[in-house]
Amino acid sequence: SAIDLEEMASGLNKRKMIQHAVFKELVKLVDPGVKAWTPTKGKQNVIMFVGLQGSGKTTTCSK
């Protein structure tokens, strides 16, 4: 979503408007609106961890 800073009312905080717009776009990326996956009991479930080297994949899996 684009923000036209020139057409905004003078009383609005431009920084907060930009932060809110960025937040909304990030939420769209992270929350696609699809129901979360739940493991099936009594059946083998495979999960793949992907990440950069040193990002803590093995540590996270072992905890």
PDB file of N, CA and C in Angstrom:
ATOM      1  N   SER A   1       0.839  -1.183   0.000  1.00  0.00           N
ATOM      2  CA  SER A   1       0.000   0.000   0.000  1.00  0.00           C
ATOM      3  C   SER A   1       0.879   1.239   0.000  1.00  0.00           C
ATOM      4  N   ALA A   2       0.545   2.179  -0.853  1.00  0.00           N
ATOM      5  CA  ALA A   2       1.340   3.396  -0.978  1.00  0.00           C
ATOM      6  C   ALA A   2       0.789   4.489  -0.073  1.00  0.00           C
ATOM      7  N   ILE A   3       1.690   5.284   0.456  1.00  0.00           N
ATOM      8  CA  ILE A   3       1.313   6.414   1.307  1.00  0.00           C
ATOM      9  C   ILE A   3       1.765   7.684   0.610  1.00  0.00           C
ATOM     10  N   ASP A   4       0.832   8.591   0.368  1.00  0.00           N
ATOM     11  CA  ASP A   4       1.176   9.869  -0.246  1.00  0.00           C
ATOM     12  C   ASP A   4       1.351  10.885   0.879  1.00  0.00           C
ATOM     13  N   LEU A   5       2.605  11.144   1.241  1.00  0.00           N
ATOM     14  CA  LEU A   5       2.889  12.043   2.358  1.00  0.00           C
ATOM     15  C   LEU A   5       2.474  13.478   2.080  1.00  0.00           C
ATOM     16  N   GLU A   6       2.401  13.866   0.819  1.00  0.00           N
ATOM     17  CA  GLU A   6       2.022  15.235   0.461  1.00  0.00           C
ATOM     18  C   GLU A   6       0.529  15.482   0.705  1.00  0.00           C
ATOM     19  N   GLU A   7      -0.297  14.436   0.547  1.00  0.00           N
ATOM     20  CA  GLU A   7      -1.745  14.609   0.684  1.00  0.00           C
ATOM     21  C   GLU A   7      -2.255  14.301   2.087  1.00  0.00           C
ATOM     22  N   MET A   8      -1.368  13.925   3.009  1.00  0.00           N
ATOM     23  CA  MET A   8      -1.781  13.618   4.377  1.00  0.00           C
ATOM     24  C   MET A   8      -2.147  14.894   5.120  1.00  0.00           C
ATOM     25  N   ALA A   9      -3.066  14.763   6.062  1.00  0.00           N
ATOM     26  CA  ALA A   9      -3.429  15.908   6.899  1.00  0.00           C
ATOM     27  C   ALA A   9      -2.220  16.305   7.740  1.00  0.00           C
ATOM     28  N   SER A  10      -2.069  17.584   7.987  1.00  0.00           N
ATOM     29  CA  SER A  10      -0.876  18.070   8.687  1.00  0.00           C
ATOM     30  C   SER A  10      -0.788  17.564  10.121  1.00  0.00           C
ATOM     31  N   GLY A  11      -1.904  17.205  10.750  1.00  0.00           N
ATOM     32  CA  GLY A  11      -1.890  16.746  12.133  1.00  0.00           C
ATOM     33  C   GLY A  11      -1.461  15.295  12.307  1.00  0.00           C
ATOM     34  N   LEU A  12      -1.388  14.544  11.218  1.00  0.00           N
ATOM     35  CA  LEU A  12      -1.042  13.128  11.323  1.00  0.00           C
ATOM     36  C   LEU A  12       0.462  12.940  11.446  1.00  0.00           C
ATOM     37  N   ASN A  13       0.859  11.964  12.232  1.00  0.00           N
ATOM     38  CA  ASN A  13       2.264  11.650  12.427  1.00  0.00           C
ATOM     39  C   ASN A  13       2.727  10.769  11.263  1.00  0.00           C
ATOM     40  N   LYS A  14       3.561  11.314  10.391  1.00  0.00           N
ATOM     41  CA  LYS A  14       4.002  10.591   9.197  1.00  0.00           C
ATOM     42  C   LYS A  14       4.790   9.337   9.554  1.00  0.00           C
ATOM     43  N   ARG A  15       5.605   9.423  10.592  1.00  0.00           N
ATOM     44  CA  ARG A  15       6.412   8.267  10.994  1.00  0.00           C
ATOM     45  C   ARG A  15       5.510   7.098  11.407  1.00  0.00           C
ATOM     46  N   LYS A  16       4.479   7.400  12.201  1.00  0.00           N
ATOM     47  CA  LYS A  16       3.569   6.342  12.646  1.00  0.00           C
ATOM     48  C   LYS A  16       2.776   5.766  11.479  1.00  0.00           C
ATOM     49  N   MET A  17       2.403   6.611  10.530  1.00  0.00           N
ATOM     50  CA  MET A  17       1.672   6.134   9.358  1.00  0.00           C
ATOM     51  C   MET A  17       2.529   5.172   8.540  1.00  0.00           C
ATOM     52  N   ILE A  18       3.808   5.513   8.365  1.00  0.00           N
ATOM     53  CA  ILE A  18       4.722   4.652   7.615  1.00  0.00           C
ATOM     54  C   ILE A  18       4.940   3.344   8.368  1.00  0.00           C
ATOM     55  N   GLN A  19       5.160   3.423   9.682  1.00  0.00           N
ATOM     56  CA  GLN A  19       5.351   2.209  10.482  1.00  0.00           C
ATOM     57  C   GLN A  19       4.128   1.302  10.388  1.00  0.00           C
ATOM     58  N   HIS A  20       2.958   1.881  10.452  1.00  0.00           N
ATOM     59  CA  HIS A  20       1.729   1.092  10.375  1.00  0.00           C
ATOM     60  C   HIS A  20       1.594   0.417   9.008  1.00  0.00           C
ATOM     61  N   ALA A  21       1.908   1.138   7.937  1.00  0.00           N
ATOM     62  CA  ALA A  21       1.824   0.571   6.590  1.00  0.00           C
ATOM     63  C   ALA A  21       2.816  -0.574   6.417  1.00  0.00           C
ATOM     64  N   VAL A  22       4.039  -0.394   6.916  1.00  0.00           N
ATOM     65  CA  VAL A  22       5.052  -1.454   6.828  1.00  0.00           C
ATOM     66  C   VAL A  22       4.598  -2.663   7.641  1.00  0.00           C
ATOM     67  N   PHE A  23       4.077  -2.426   8.839  1.00  0.00           N
ATOM     68  CA  PHE A  23       3.592  -3.511   9.690  1.00  0.00           C
ATOM     69  C   PHE A  23       2.493  -4.309   8.988  1.00  0.00           C
ATOM     70  N   LYS A  24       1.534  -3.621   8.376  1.00  0.00           N
ATOM     71  CA  LYS A  24       0.441  -4.308   7.685  1.00  0.00           C
ATOM     72  C   LYS A  24       0.961  -5.174   6.546  1.00  0.00           C
ATOM     73  N   GLU A  25       1.937  -4.678   5.791  1.00  0.00           N
ATOM     74  CA  GLU A  25       2.491  -5.456   4.685  1.00  0.00           C
ATOM     75  C   GLU A  25       3.249  -6.682   5.196  1.00  0.00           C
ATOM     76  N   LEU A  26       3.997  -6.529   6.303  1.00  0.00           N
ATOM     77  CA  LEU A  26       4.713  -7.668   6.881  1.00  0.00           C
ATOM     78  C   LEU A  26       3.740  -8.721   7.399  1.00  0.00           C
ATOM     79  N   VAL A  27       2.648  -8.297   7.992  1.00  0.00           N
ATOM     80  CA  VAL A  27       1.644  -9.245   8.475  1.00  0.00           C
ATOM     81  C   VAL A  27       1.052 -10.022   7.303  1.00  0.00           C
ATOM     82  N   LYS A  28       0.822  -9.353   6.181  1.00  0.00           N
ATOM     83  CA  LYS A  28       0.312 -10.043   4.989  1.00  0.00           C
ATOM     84  C   LYS A  28       1.270 -11.134   4.531  1.00  0.00           C
ATOM     85  N   LEU A  29       2.571 -10.863   4.600  1.00  0.00           N
ATOM     86  CA  LEU A  29       3.564 -11.852   4.180  1.00  0.00           C
ATOM     87  C   LEU A  29       3.619 -13.040   5.131  1.00  0.00           C
ATOM     88  N   VAL A  30       3.532 -12.772   6.424  1.00  0.00           N
ATOM     89  CA  VAL A  30       3.679 -13.819   7.427  1.00  0.00           C
ATOM     90  C   VAL A  30       2.381 -14.601   7.617  1.00  0.00           C
ATOM     91  N   ASP A  31       1.242 -13.961   7.499  1.00  0.00           N
ATOM     92  CA  ASP A  31      -0.050 -14.607   7.719  1.00  0.00           C
ATOM     93  C   ASP A  31      -0.818 -14.677   6.405  1.00  0.00           C
ATOM     94  N   PRO A  32      -0.656 -15.780   5.669  1.00  0.00           N
ATOM     95  CA  PRO A  32      -1.330 -15.878   4.375  1.00  0.00           C
ATOM     96  C   PRO A  32      -2.829 -16.158   4.483  1.00  0.00           C
ATOM     97  N   GLY A  33      -3.358 -16.303   5.704  1.00  0.00           N
ATOM     98  CA  GLY A  33      -4.780 -16.572   5.866  1.00  0.00           C
ATOM     99  C   GLY A  33      -5.124 -18.044   5.745  1.00  0.00           C
ATOM    100  N   VAL A  34      -4.129 -18.902   5.765  1.00  0.00           N
ATOM    101  CA  VAL A  34      -4.334 -20.341   5.666  1.00  0.00           C
ATOM    102  C   VAL A  34      -4.290 -20.938   7.066  1.00  0.00           C
ATOM    103  N   LYS A  35      -5.145 -21.932   7.312  1.00  0.00           N
ATOM    104  CA  LYS A  35      -5.174 -22.589   8.620  1.00  0.00           C
ATOM    105  C   LYS A  35      -3.806 -23.202   8.921  1.00  0.00           C
ATOM    106  N   ALA A  36      -3.356 -23.058  10.154  1.00  0.00           N
ATOM    107  CA  ALA A  36      -2.048 -23.581  10.556  1.00  0.00           C
ATOM    108  C   ALA A  36      -2.028 -25.105  10.461  1.00  0.00           C
ATOM    109  N   TRP A  37      -0.867 -25.651  10.107  1.00  0.00           N
ATOM    110  CA  TRP A  37      -0.693 -27.095   9.995  1.00  0.00           C
ATOM    111  C   TRP A  37      -0.665 -27.714  11.379  1.00  0.00           C
ATOM    112  N   THR A  38      -1.357 -28.840  11.537  1.00  0.00           N
ATOM    113  CA  THR A  38      -1.308 -29.574  12.799  1.00  0.00           C
ATOM    114  C   THR A  38      -0.862 -30.999  12.506  1.00  0.00           C
ATOM    115  N   PRO A  39       0.078 -31.533  13.301  1.00  0.00           N
ATOM    116  CA  PRO A  39       0.553 -32.897  13.068  1.00  0.00           C
ATOM    117  C   PRO A  39      -0.570 -33.922  13.275  1.00  0.00           C
ATOM    118  N   THR A  40      -0.499 -35.008  12.524  1.00  0.00           N
ATOM    119  CA  THR A  40      -1.479 -36.073  12.629  1.00  0.00           C
ATOM    120  C   THR A  40      -1.009 -37.098  13.648  1.00  0.00           C
ATOM    121  N   LYS A  41      -1.837 -37.375  14.643  1.00  0.00           N
ATOM    122  CA  LYS A  41      -1.476 -38.360  15.664  1.00  0.00           C
ATOM    123  C   LYS A  41      -1.498 -39.759  15.059  1.00  0.00           C
ATOM    124  N   GLY A  42      -0.523 -40.588  15.473  1.00  0.00           N
ATOM    125  CA  GLY A  42      -0.452 -41.964  15.000  1.00  0.00           C
ATOM    126  C   GLY A  42       0.137 -42.107  13.609  1.00  0.00           C
ATOM    127  N   LYS A  43       0.594 -41.023  13.029  1.00  0.00           N
ATOM    128  CA  LYS A  43       1.173 -41.043  11.684  1.00  0.00           C
ATOM    129  C   LYS A  43       2.501 -40.301  11.732  1.00  0.00           C
ATOM    130  N   GLN A  44       3.460 -40.772  10.944  1.00  0.00           N
ATOM    131  CA  GLN A  44       4.761 -40.115  10.903  1.00  0.00           C
ATOM    132  C   GLN A  44       4.623 -38.742  10.225  1.00  0.00           C
ATOM    133  N   ASN A  45       5.176 -37.718  10.850  1.00  0.00           N
ATOM    134  CA  ASN A  45       5.126 -36.359  10.310  1.00  0.00           C
ATOM    135  C   ASN A  45       6.545 -35.881  10.038  1.00  0.00           C
ATOM    136  N   VAL A  46       6.775 -35.297   8.887  1.00  0.00           N
ATOM    137  CA  VAL A  46       8.099 -34.811   8.507  1.00  0.00           C
ATOM    138  C   VAL A  46       8.056 -33.286   8.467  1.00  0.00           C
ATOM    139  N   ILE A  47       9.035 -32.677   9.128  1.00  0.00           N
ATOM    140  CA  ILE A  47       9.144 -31.217   9.155  1.00  0.00           C
ATOM    141  C   ILE A  47      10.523 -30.842   8.644  1.00  0.00           C
ATOM    142  N   MET A  48      10.612 -29.888   7.731  1.00  0.00           N
ATOM    143  CA  MET A  48      11.896 -29.452   7.188  1.00  0.00           C
ATOM    144  C   MET A  48      12.230 -28.072   7.748  1.00  0.00           C
ATOM    145  N   PHE A  49      13.415 -27.967   8.337  1.00  0.00           N
ATOM    146  CA  PHE A  49      13.908 -26.682   8.834  1.00  0.00           C
ATOM    147  C   PHE A  49      14.880 -26.121   7.805  1.00  0.00           C
ATOM    148  N   VAL A  50      14.665 -24.886   7.395  1.00  0.00           N
ATOM    149  CA  VAL A  50      15.505 -24.241   6.397  1.00  0.00           C
ATOM    150  C   VAL A  50      16.007 -22.928   6.974  1.00  0.00           C
ATOM    151  N   GLY A  51      17.297 -22.635   6.751  1.00  0.00           N
ATOM    152  CA  GLY A  51      17.842 -21.371   7.228  1.00  0.00           C
ATOM    153  C   GLY A  51      19.306 -21.243   6.884  1.00  0.00           C
ATOM    154  N   LEU A  52      19.828 -20.065   7.085  1.00  0.00           N
ATOM    155  CA  LEU A  52      21.235 -19.802   6.810  1.00  0.00           C
ATOM    156  C   LEU A  52      22.122 -20.547   7.795  1.00  0.00           C
ATOM    157  N   GLN A  53      23.384 -20.724   7.413  1.00  0.00           N
ATOM    158  CA  GLN A  53      24.340 -21.363   8.309  1.00  0.00           C
ATOM    159  C   GLN A  53      24.475 -20.524   9.572  1.00  0.00           C
ATOM    160  N   GLY A  54      24.435 -21.210  10.716  1.00  0.00           N
ATOM    161  CA  GLY A  54      24.606 -20.512  11.985  1.00  0.00           C
ATOM    162  C   GLY A  54      23.364 -19.816  12.499  1.00  0.00           C
ATOM    163  N   SER A  55      22.213 -20.083  11.896  1.00  0.00           N
ATOM    164  CA  SER A  55      20.993 -19.389  12.333  1.00  0.00           C
ATOM    165  C   SER A  55      20.262 -20.103  13.469  1.00  0.00           C
ATOM    166  N   GLY A  56      20.754 -21.286  13.887  1.00  0.00           N
ATOM    167  CA  GLY A  56      20.181 -21.967  15.046  1.00  0.00           C
ATOM    168  C   GLY A  56      19.195 -23.076  14.734  1.00  0.00           C
ATOM    169  N   LYS A  57      19.257 -23.648  13.538  1.00  0.00           N
ATOM    170  CA  LYS A  57      18.329 -24.723  13.177  1.00  0.00           C
ATOM    171  C   LYS A  57      18.512 -25.945  14.067  1.00  0.00           C
ATOM    172  N   THR A  58      19.743 -26.435  14.194  1.00  0.00           N
ATOM    173  CA  THR A  58      20.019 -27.630  14.995  1.00  0.00           C
ATOM    174  C   THR A  58      19.692 -27.382  16.459  1.00  0.00           C
ATOM    175  N   THR A  59      20.051 -26.245  16.966  1.00  0.00           N
ATOM    176  CA  THR A  59      19.764 -25.907  18.363  1.00  0.00           C
ATOM    177  C   THR A  59      18.258 -25.893  18.608  1.00  0.00           C
ATOM    178  N   THR A  60      17.511 -25.305  17.701  1.00  0.00           N
ATOM    179  CA  THR A  60      16.062 -25.243  17.845  1.00  0.00           C
ATOM    180  C   THR A  60      15.451 -26.639  17.813  1.00  0.00           C
ATOM    181  N   CYS A  61      15.913 -27.484  16.893  1.00  0.00           N
ATOM    182  CA  CYS A  61      15.364 -28.841  16.776  1.00  0.00           C
ATOM    183  C   CYS A  61      15.692 -29.692  17.994  1.00  0.00           C
ATOM    184  N   SER A  62      16.849 -29.491  18.590  1.00  0.00           N
ATOM    185  CA  SER A  62      17.262 -30.331  19.718  1.00  0.00           C
ATOM    186  C   SER A  62      16.631 -29.894  21.038  1.00  0.00           C
ATOM    187  N   LYS A  63      16.063 -28.708  21.081  1.00  0.00           N
ATOM    188  CA  LYS A  63      15.446 -28.235  22.340  1.00  0.00           C
ATOM    189  C   LYS A  63      14.129 -28.873  22.471  1.00  0.00           C
TER     190      LYS A  63
END
